[in-house]
Protein backbone atom coordinates (compact mmCIF):
# COMPACT_ATOMS: atom_id res chain seq x y z
CA MET A 1 123.52 79.69 134.34
CA LYS A 2 120.60 78.06 132.75
CA LYS A 3 118.65 75.46 134.56
CA THR A 4 117.81 72.11 133.57
CA LEU A 5 115.88 71.68 130.38
CA VAL A 6 112.47 69.94 130.07
CA LEU A 7 112.37 67.88 126.70
CA LEU A 8 109.00 68.52 124.95
CA THR A 9 109.55 67.08 121.60
CA SER A 10 106.06 65.87 121.13
CA LEU A 11 104.69 69.45 121.10
CA THR A 12 106.89 70.23 117.76
CA MET A 13 104.29 67.54 116.11
CA ALA A 14 101.02 69.41 117.29
CA PHE A 15 98.71 70.45 114.40
CA ALA A 16 100.68 69.09 111.72
CA LEU A 17 97.95 67.99 109.48
CA THR A 18 96.04 71.60 109.77
CA ALA A 19 99.33 73.56 109.92
CA CYS A 20 100.20 76.52 107.45
CA GLY A 21 103.31 76.57 105.73
CA GLY A 22 106.55 78.44 106.78
CA GLY A 23 108.46 76.39 104.51
CA ASP A 24 108.11 73.22 102.16
CA THR A 25 104.68 71.28 102.92
CA SER A 26 105.21 68.57 100.53
CA THR A 27 105.71 65.98 103.07
CA SER A 28 103.28 63.42 103.32
CA ALA A 29 100.59 63.82 106.40
CA THR A 30 100.91 61.89 109.60
CA SER A 31 98.14 59.40 110.04
CA ALA A 32 94.67 60.65 111.62
CA ALA A 33 95.32 58.43 114.70
CA GLN A 34 98.93 59.38 115.19
CA THR A 35 97.93 63.09 114.92
CA GLU A 36 95.02 62.89 117.15
CA ALA A 37 97.34 61.27 119.72
CA VAL A 38 100.08 63.90 119.28
CA GLN A 39 97.66 66.79 119.50
CA THR A 40 96.18 65.51 122.78
CA GLU A 41 99.50 65.18 124.41
CA ALA A 42 100.47 68.59 123.23
CA ALA A 43 97.17 70.06 124.42
CA GLN A 44 97.64 68.56 127.76
CA THR A 45 101.32 69.70 128.16
CA GLY A 46 100.63 73.21 126.86
CA ALA A 47 97.85 73.48 129.44
CA ALA A 48 100.00 72.31 132.16
CA GLN A 49 102.83 74.93 131.23
CA ALA A 50 100.16 77.63 130.98
CA GLU A 51 99.06 77.00 134.50
CA GLY A 52 102.57 76.83 135.68
CA ASN A 53 103.18 73.36 135.95
CA THR A 54 107.06 72.55 135.68
CA GLU A 55 106.79 68.85 135.92
CA ALA A 56 104.72 68.68 132.20
CA ALA A 57 107.60 66.08 131.04
CA PRO A 58 110.59 64.29 132.47
CA LYS A 59 113.49 66.68 133.00
CA ALA A 60 116.95 65.86 131.22
CA ASP A 61 120.28 67.39 131.16
CA ALA A 62 120.59 70.27 128.70
CA SER A 63 124.16 70.21 128.44
CA GLY A 64 125.54 69.25 125.14
CA ASN A 65 122.25 69.82 123.38
CA ASP A 66 123.04 71.19 119.90
CA LYS A 67 119.53 71.90 119.02
CA LEU A 68 117.95 75.43 119.18
CA VAL A 69 115.64 75.32 122.18
CA VAL A 70 112.79 77.82 121.79
CA GLY A 71 109.83 78.57 124.36
CA PHE A 72 106.80 80.07 122.74
CA ALA A 73 104.01 81.34 124.96
CA GLN A 74 101.13 82.00 122.54
CA ILE A 75 98.12 84.19 123.55
CA GLY A 76 95.55 81.46 122.97
CA GLN A 77 92.85 80.95 119.87
CA GLU A 78 91.30 84.22 119.68
CA SER A 79 90.93 83.90 116.11
CA GLY A 80 91.58 82.16 112.82
CA TRP A 81 94.81 84.35 112.38
CA ARG A 82 96.14 83.35 115.84
CA ASP A 83 95.70 79.74 114.82
CA ALA A 84 97.44 80.15 111.69
CA GLU A 85 100.41 81.63 113.40
CA THR A 86 100.45 78.97 115.90
CA ASN A 87 100.08 76.15 113.26
CA ASP A 88 102.95 77.90 111.27
CA VAL A 89 105.27 77.69 114.25
CA GLN A 90 104.61 74.29 115.35
CA TRP A 91 104.71 72.92 111.77
CA TYR A 92 107.93 74.54 110.96
CA ALA A 93 109.49 73.24 114.10
CA ALA A 94 107.89 69.67 113.35
CA ARG A 95 109.67 69.90 109.82
CA ASN A 96 113.24 70.57 111.60
CA THR A 97 113.39 68.55 114.47
CA ASP A 98 116.90 67.62 113.78
CA THR A 99 117.83 71.29 114.81
CA ILE A 100 114.75 72.56 116.67
CA GLU A 101 113.15 71.88 119.76
CA LEU A 102 109.85 73.63 120.60
CA SER A 103 108.13 74.17 123.75
CA PHE A 104 104.73 75.44 123.32
CA ALA A 105 102.21 77.01 125.81
CA ASP A 106 98.66 78.23 125.23
CA ALA A 107 97.98 81.31 127.52
CA GLN A 108 94.18 81.21 126.94
CA GLN A 109 93.96 84.97 126.36
CA LYS A 110 95.51 85.58 130.05
CA GLN A 111 98.45 87.35 130.70
CA GLU A 112 99.27 85.73 134.07
CA ASN A 113 99.24 82.54 131.97
CA GLN A 114 101.97 84.01 129.58
CA ILE A 115 103.76 85.04 132.52
CA LYS A 116 103.80 81.65 134.13
CA ALA A 117 104.84 80.04 130.95
CA ILE A 118 107.90 82.40 130.45
CA ARG A 119 109.04 81.67 133.96
CA ASN A 120 108.62 77.85 133.19
CA PHE A 121 110.81 78.50 129.95
CA ILE A 122 113.36 80.21 132.12
CA GLU A 123 113.40 77.17 134.61
CA MET A 124 113.73 74.88 131.87
CA GLY A 125 116.98 76.78 130.26
CA VAL A 126 115.52 77.38 126.73
CA ASP A 127 117.79 79.12 124.32
CA VAL A 128 115.35 81.84 123.23
CA ILE A 129 112.05 82.83 124.49
CA VAL A 130 109.14 84.00 122.01
CA PHE A 131 105.88 85.47 122.65
CA PRO A 132 103.09 87.82 121.54
CA PRO A 133 102.22 89.97 124.39
CA VAL A 134 98.53 89.76 125.16
CA VAL A 135 98.56 93.28 126.55
CA GLU A 136 101.23 96.08 126.23
CA THR A 137 101.90 96.65 130.02
CA GLY A 138 102.87 94.54 133.06
CA TRP A 139 106.03 92.73 131.57
CA GLU A 140 108.73 94.61 133.41
CA ALA A 141 109.41 91.69 136.22
CA VAL A 142 109.39 88.69 134.11
CA LEU A 143 111.46 90.09 131.35
CA THR A 144 114.00 91.41 133.91
CA GLU A 145 114.04 87.69 134.78
CA CYS A 146 114.73 86.68 131.12
CA GLN A 147 117.57 89.17 131.20
CA GLU A 148 119.03 87.85 134.54
CA ALA A 149 118.79 84.24 132.87
CA ASP A 150 120.78 85.42 129.84
CA ILE A 151 117.92 84.39 127.54
CA PRO A 152 117.07 86.53 124.56
CA VAL A 153 113.39 87.50 124.13
CA ILE A 154 111.71 87.85 120.63
CA LEU A 155 108.45 89.62 120.81
CA VAL A 156 106.05 88.51 117.95
CA ASP A 157 103.36 90.43 116.03
CA ARG A 158 102.76 92.65 119.04
CA GLY A 159 104.90 94.99 121.11
CA ILE A 160 104.95 96.19 124.81
CA ASP A 161 104.70 99.83 126.23
CA PRO A 162 107.53 101.81 124.93
CA SER A 163 107.71 103.65 128.45
CA ALA A 164 108.74 100.16 129.76
CA GLY A 165 112.06 100.28 127.86
CA GLU A 166 113.25 98.83 124.75
CA ASP A 167 115.97 96.95 126.53
CA LEU A 168 113.54 94.58 128.13
CA TYR A 169 113.43 92.56 124.84
CA THR A 170 116.01 91.73 122.05
CA THR A 171 114.04 92.20 118.98
CA MET A 172 110.39 92.24 117.57
CA ILE A 173 108.98 90.56 114.62
CA ALA A 174 105.91 92.28 113.57
CA SER A 175 103.76 94.30 111.12
CA ASP A 176 103.52 98.14 111.28
CA HIS A 177 100.10 98.43 112.84
CA VAL A 178 99.93 102.19 112.69
CA TRP A 179 100.51 101.85 108.90
CA ALA A 180 97.77 99.34 108.89
CA GLY A 181 95.30 101.65 110.56
CA GLU A 182 96.42 104.51 108.09
CA GLN A 183 95.87 102.29 105.07
CA ALA A 184 92.47 101.32 106.51
CA ALA A 185 91.64 105.06 106.68
CA ILE A 186 92.71 105.80 103.21
CA VAL A 187 90.63 103.08 101.59
CA MET A 188 87.67 104.12 104.02
CA ASP A 189 87.81 107.78 102.50
CA GLU A 190 87.86 106.36 99.20
CA LEU A 191 84.75 104.03 99.75
CA LEU A 192 82.89 106.74 101.30
CA GLY A 193 83.85 109.54 98.85
CA GLY A 194 85.12 111.64 101.81
CA GLN A 195 81.91 111.84 103.50
CA GLY A 196 79.94 109.39 106.02
CA LYS A 197 79.62 107.95 109.50
CA VAL A 198 81.84 105.27 110.79
CA VAL A 199 81.99 102.96 113.91
CA GLU A 200 85.10 101.09 114.88
CA LEU A 201 85.43 97.58 116.45
CA GLU A 202 88.51 97.72 118.45
CA GLY A 203 90.79 94.74 119.39
CA THR A 204 91.52 93.60 122.91
CA VAL A 205 91.99 96.59 125.33
CA GLY A 206 95.63 97.16 126.01
CA ALA A 207 96.89 95.16 123.17
CA SER A 208 99.63 96.92 121.15
CA ALA A 209 98.02 95.98 117.89
CA ALA A 210 94.54 97.40 118.85
CA VAL A 211 96.19 100.67 120.25
CA GLN A 212 98.22 101.28 117.26
CA ARG A 213 95.66 100.26 114.50
CA LYS A 214 93.28 102.75 116.28
CA LYS A 215 95.91 105.44 116.49
CA GLY A 216 96.60 105.03 112.73
CA PHE A 217 92.97 105.05 111.76
CA ASP A 218 91.65 107.63 113.89
CA GLU A 219 94.48 110.14 113.45
CA TYR A 220 94.41 109.78 109.78
CA ILE A 221 90.65 110.38 109.64
CA ALA A 222 90.83 113.40 112.07
CA ALA A 223 93.78 114.92 109.81
CA ASN A 224 92.63 114.24 106.48
CA CYS A 225 88.87 113.54 106.19
CA PRO A 226 86.82 116.33 107.77
CA ASP A 227 83.33 115.02 106.63
CA ILE A 228 83.86 111.60 108.06
CA GLU A 229 82.70 111.14 111.55
CA ILE A 230 83.52 108.21 113.78
CA LEU A 231 80.39 107.76 115.59
CA ASP A 232 81.36 105.25 118.20
CA SER A 233 84.44 102.93 119.06
CA GLN A 234 84.12 99.71 121.28
CA THR A 235 86.28 96.64 121.90
CA GLY A 236 85.18 93.27 120.19
CA ASP A 237 88.35 91.46 121.71
CA PHE A 238 89.55 90.67 118.28
CA THR A 239 86.76 87.82 118.33
CA ARG A 240 84.02 87.02 115.82
CA ALA A 241 81.37 86.50 118.60
CA MET A 242 82.26 89.81 120.13
CA GLY A 243 82.39 91.55 116.88
CA LYS A 244 79.07 90.57 116.02
CA GLU A 245 77.46 91.33 119.48
CA VAL A 246 79.13 94.89 119.36
CA MET A 247 78.01 95.57 115.95
CA GLU A 248 74.52 94.56 116.90
CA SER A 249 74.59 97.07 119.55
CA PHE A 250 75.85 99.83 117.10
CA LEU A 251 73.01 98.92 114.67
CA LYS A 252 70.42 99.44 117.41
CA THR A 253 72.05 102.70 118.66
CA TYR A 254 72.44 104.42 115.36
CA ASP A 255 70.46 104.13 112.30
CA ASP A 256 72.81 106.01 109.96
CA ILE A 257 76.13 103.93 109.89
CA ASP A 258 77.97 103.96 106.51
CA ALA A 259 80.82 101.91 107.40
CA VAL A 260 82.81 99.97 110.04
CA PHE A 261 86.41 99.66 110.63
CA CYS A 262 87.44 96.37 112.47
CA HIS A 263 90.76 95.94 113.93
CA ASN A 264 90.97 92.15 112.67
CA ASP A 265 88.99 90.25 110.10
CA ASP A 266 87.29 87.76 112.77
CA MET A 267 85.53 90.76 113.94
CA ALA A 268 84.67 92.02 110.62
CA LEU A 269 83.05 88.58 109.67
CA GLY A 270 81.05 88.93 112.96
CA ALA A 271 79.98 92.33 111.86
CA ILE A 272 78.82 90.77 108.59
CA GLU A 273 76.50 88.55 110.37
CA ALA A 274 74.94 91.38 112.51
CA ILE A 275 74.38 93.71 109.48
CA LYS A 276 72.70 90.75 107.58
CA GLU A 277 70.55 89.99 110.44
CA ALA A 278 69.51 93.77 110.68
CA GLY A 279 68.01 93.41 107.16
CA LYS A 280 71.02 95.36 105.58
CA LYS A 281 73.65 94.28 102.74
CA PRO A 282 77.04 94.09 104.10
CA GLY A 283 79.69 95.59 101.57
CA GLU A 284 76.93 97.87 100.16
CA ASP A 285 74.72 99.49 102.82
CA VAL A 286 77.64 99.14 105.28
CA LYS A 287 81.04 99.09 103.99
CA ILE A 288 83.29 96.98 105.86
CA ILE A 289 87.24 97.12 106.40
CA GLY A 290 89.19 94.47 108.31
CA VAL A 291 92.92 93.90 109.11
CA ASP A 292 94.78 90.56 108.90
CA GLY A 293 94.05 89.18 105.41
CA VAL A 294 92.45 85.69 106.60
CA LYS A 295 90.93 83.72 104.02
CA GLY A 296 87.49 84.12 105.28
CA ALA A 297 87.96 87.71 104.71
CA PHE A 298 89.18 87.31 101.10
CA GLU A 299 85.85 85.01 100.67
CA ALA A 300 83.75 87.82 101.95
CA ILE A 301 85.27 90.30 99.81
CA LEU A 302 84.93 88.04 96.65
CA ALA A 303 81.19 87.56 97.55
CA GLY A 304 80.80 91.37 97.83
CA GLU A 305 80.07 91.49 101.57
CA MET A 306 83.56 93.08 102.48
CA ASN A 307 85.31 95.90 100.99
CA CYS A 308 89.00 95.63 102.22
CA THR A 309 91.48 93.86 104.45
CA VAL A 310 94.88 95.03 105.38
CA GLU A 311 97.27 92.20 105.47
CA CYS A 312 98.92 91.44 108.57
CA THR A 313 100.71 87.92 107.99
CA PRO A 314 100.84 85.28 110.81
CA ILE A 315 103.21 83.19 108.70
CA LEU A 316 106.41 84.26 110.66
CA ALA A 317 107.81 80.91 111.64
CA GLU A 318 110.70 81.00 109.19
CA GLN A 319 111.72 84.60 110.40
CA ILE A 320 111.21 83.79 114.18
CA PHE A 321 113.35 80.59 114.22
CA ASP A 322 116.15 82.28 111.90
CA THR A 323 116.24 85.00 114.20
CA ALA A 324 116.22 82.85 117.17
CA ALA A 325 119.20 80.84 115.68
CA LYS A 326 121.32 84.21 115.26
CA LEU A 327 120.53 85.04 118.81
CA LYS A 328 121.83 81.62 120.17
CA ASN A 329 124.95 82.20 118.08
CA GLY A 330 125.47 85.68 119.73
CA GLU A 331 124.84 87.38 116.37
CA THR A 332 123.17 90.99 116.41
CA VAL A 333 119.71 91.62 114.75
CA ASP A 334 117.61 94.59 114.28
CA LYS A 335 115.39 95.72 116.99
CA TRP A 336 112.22 95.60 114.75
CA ILE A 337 112.08 93.02 111.98
CA MET A 338 109.08 93.96 109.74
CA SER A 339 106.95 91.69 108.02
CA ALA A 340 105.99 92.11 104.44
CA ASP A 341 102.03 92.97 104.30
CA GLY A 342 99.70 94.36 101.48
CA VAL A 343 96.32 96.13 101.08
CA TYR A 344 93.66 94.00 99.23
CA THR A 345 90.53 95.65 97.91
CA ALA A 346 87.74 94.24 95.97
CA ASP A 347 89.52 94.91 92.65
CA LYS A 348 92.70 92.62 93.79
CA VAL A 349 90.61 89.61 94.92
CA THR A 350 89.93 86.83 92.55
CA GLN A 351 89.25 83.16 93.08
CA GLU A 352 92.73 82.43 92.52
CA VAL A 353 93.89 84.57 95.30
CA VAL A 354 91.24 83.24 97.53
CA ASP A 355 92.21 79.67 96.76
CA GLY A 356 95.95 80.47 97.36
CA ARG A 357 95.72 81.80 100.81
CA GLN A 358 97.58 79.66 103.38
CA TYR A 359 95.17 80.79 106.48
């Protein structure tokens, strides 16, 4: 039996002015004052949820509520890509308040906060729980609780350790991260003419996206590029600041770096700063490949400071809510719903492409 539902309708309006479009974005914007007030309330409520506070809003009887009620436990604000995903989800829900009710929690990059938020969602009696796992392991207990509460779970943009068992979640909406790593390796081989020395900026330790992108890249290089050497590989935690810091360390340690593969574009942008400060030309002296396809990466490619980005779109809201609606109605969905991604090298990036990016 699902428990009492906490109504958090104000959360559906958060970030309305800065949101990326999962659907029609032609509606006129809320006034600045209204938006600021809504964002403040949403941030306070989300923080309370992340800390396990079930009294974030007055409780109400969930019986007779025909809306699709979704609990979304976001990782945090690690990057521009992550912000775009958050904005897309909140904007889509805000545009569909007649049919959707969104409860949102920001876990601030901590697994324990995501677990608390998920348990809050169970207590609230939401229809579907959605979250991108901050790391692959440690989800068995809370996902078992979701099953016992008969609440479907959608993993989004990241997965969990396969050894834990696929029965712990209902479906996953995500890119093929191994494919992304392989595509980066193929482009790297072309950029270096089959020969050179590479360093790697990894994502968050234990995150499925980082594990799989590394697997795709490293295994392709090992199998197909005998004259390309991976000198070093360290985590930059998917952030620009850490990407810059680790790249600075690499440049001090090695004087013959030909290229860097970054598990996301924010770390690539940080690496660009470090390369410039070291007196080298990013994109020329040191080739740079990232993953995600954020607007900043496209701008860097257009400026000649970055060579490639492998897209991993954060614009997933429509897929998320459509899938959640099907699950609420008892329909069967695929175990893995793949997002459509692409590979962008310098010859494919124009000012028109940059201007058209939503994130």
